């Protein structure tokens, strides 16, 4: 049974890594980034929910009076 020839593996792996690096560099270089990034003003949002204005009470079955 012939032995597996591994002499070209190093060349194949190195060329694959180099190709991936070049492809990723090209993909990243096509993005346009803002030249002067600005901070967003973080303001607290006011959400008005119907249950915010009402007072509600939740009764659990164990806290209800026992029926007679």
C-alpha atoms as a PDB file:
ATOM      1  CA  UNK A   1       0.000   0.000   0.000  1.00  0.00           C
ATOM      2  CA  UNK A   2       1.548   3.351  -0.984  1.00  0.00           C
ATOM      3  CA  UNK A   3       2.350   5.952   1.591  1.00  0.00           C
ATOM      4  CA  UNK A   4       0.486   9.250   1.659  1.00  0.00           C
ATOM      5  CA  UNK A   5       2.626  11.962   0.135  1.00  0.00           C
ATOM      6  CA  UNK A   6       2.593  14.916   2.551  1.00  0.00           C
ATOM      7  CA  UNK A   7       5.340  16.920   0.929  1.00  0.00           C
ATOM      8  CA  UNK A   8       2.916  19.447  -0.637  1.00  0.00           C
ATOM      9  CA  UNK A   9       0.780  19.971   2.462  1.00  0.00           C
ATOM     10  CA  UNK A  10       2.860  22.832   3.815  1.00  0.00           C
ATOM     11  CA  UNK A  11       2.670  24.700   0.519  1.00  0.00           C
ATOM     12  CA  UNK A  12      -1.064  24.110   0.291  1.00  0.00           C
ATOM     13  CA  UNK A  13      -1.757  25.261   3.849  1.00  0.00           C
ATOM     14  CA  UNK A  14       0.447  28.347   3.574  1.00  0.00           C
ATOM     15  CA  UNK A  15      -1.078  29.378   0.257  1.00  0.00           C
ATOM     16  CA  UNK A  16      -4.583  28.878   1.699  1.00  0.00           C
ATOM     17  CA  UNK A  17      -3.776  31.087   4.705  1.00  0.00           C
ATOM     18  CA  UNK A  18      -2.255  33.755   2.469  1.00  0.00           C
ATOM     19  CA  UNK A  19      -5.277  33.677   0.156  1.00  0.00           C
ATOM     20  CA  UNK A  20      -7.702  33.978   3.077  1.00  0.00           C
ATOM     21  CA  UNK A  21      -5.732  36.877   4.475  1.00  0.00           C
ATOM     22  CA  UNK A  22      -5.788  38.705   1.142  1.00  0.00           C
ATOM     23  CA  UNK A  23      -9.507  38.066   0.640  1.00  0.00           C
ATOM     24  CA  UNK A  24     -10.361  39.376   4.109  1.00  0.00           C
ATOM     25  CA  UNK A  25      -8.167  42.421   3.641  1.00  0.00           C
ATOM     26  CA  UNK A  26      -9.925  43.214   0.384  1.00  0.00           C
ATOM     27  CA  UNK A  27     -13.337  42.774   1.964  1.00  0.00           C
ATOM     28  CA  UNK A  28     -12.451  44.999   4.911  1.00  0.00           C
ATOM     29  CA  UNK A  29     -10.934  47.688   2.705  1.00  0.00           C
ATOM     30  CA  UNK A  30     -14.193  48.076   0.761  1.00  0.00           C
ATOM     31  CA  UNK A  31     -16.086  49.252   3.837  1.00  0.00           C
ATOM     32  CA  UNK A  32     -16.441  52.955   4.313  1.00  0.00           C
ATOM     33  CA  UNK A  33     -16.003  54.052   7.880  1.00  0.00           C
ATOM     34  CA  UNK A  34     -16.912  57.529   9.161  1.00  0.00           C
ATOM     35  CA  UNK A  35     -13.896  59.791   9.418  1.00  0.00           C
ATOM     36  CA  UNK A  36     -15.013  61.497  12.590  1.00  0.00           C
ATOM     37  CA  UNK A  37     -17.159  59.266  14.782  1.00  0.00           C
ATOM     38  CA  UNK A  38     -19.478  61.127  17.125  1.00  0.00           C
ATOM     39  CA  UNK A  39     -20.927  60.017  20.399  1.00  0.00           C
ATOM     40  CA  UNK A  40     -24.616  59.358  20.555  1.00  0.00           C
ATOM     41  CA  UNK A  41     -26.527  61.272  23.152  1.00  0.00           C
ATOM     42  CA  UNK A  42     -28.067  58.799  25.474  1.00  0.00           C
ATOM     43  CA  UNK A  43     -31.376  60.147  26.614  1.00  0.00           C
ATOM     44  CA  UNK A  44     -33.802  58.214  28.699  1.00  0.00           C
ATOM     45  CA  UNK A  45     -36.833  57.226  26.710  1.00  0.00           C
ATOM     46  CA  UNK A  46     -40.247  57.738  28.277  1.00  0.00           C
ATOM     47  CA  UNK A  47     -42.560  54.905  27.446  1.00  0.00           C
ATOM     48  CA  UNK A  48     -46.191  55.309  28.309  1.00  0.00           C
ATOM     49  CA  UNK A  49     -47.876  52.037  29.019  1.00  0.00           C
ATOM     50  CA  UNK A  50     -51.500  51.737  30.033  1.00  0.00           C
ATOM     51  CA  UNK A  51     -50.536  49.918  33.218  1.00  0.00           C
ATOM     52  CA  UNK A  52     -48.162  52.693  34.290  1.00  0.00           C
ATOM     53  CA  UNK A  53     -51.013  55.080  35.042  1.00  0.00           C
ATOM     54  CA  UNK A  54     -53.254  52.550  36.784  1.00  0.00           C
ATOM     55  CA  UNK A  55     -52.813  50.855  40.095  1.00  0.00           C
ATOM     56  CA  UNK A  56     -53.443  47.154  39.809  1.00  0.00           C
ATOM     57  CA  UNK A  57     -53.368  44.460  42.401  1.00  0.00           C
ATOM     58  CA  UNK A  58     -52.778  40.837  41.623  1.00  0.00           C
ATOM     59  CA  UNK A  59     -54.490  38.372  43.888  1.00  0.00           C
ATOM     60  CA  UNK A  60     -52.940  35.000  44.330  1.00  0.00           C
ATOM     61  CA  UNK A  61     -55.339  32.164  45.093  1.00  0.00           C
ATOM     62  CA  UNK A  62     -53.683  31.491  48.437  1.00  0.00           C
ATOM     63  CA  UNK A  63     -54.256  35.048  49.683  1.00  0.00           C
ATOM     64  CA  UNK A  64     -57.984  35.044  48.929  1.00  0.00           C
ATOM     65  CA  UNK A  65     -60.347  34.395  51.846  1.00  0.00           C
ATOM     66  CA  UNK A  66     -61.539  30.869  52.243  1.00  0.00           C
ATOM     67  CA  UNK A  67     -65.047  30.222  50.950  1.00  0.00           C
ATOM     68  CA  UNK A  68     -67.530  29.222  53.634  1.00  0.00           C
END
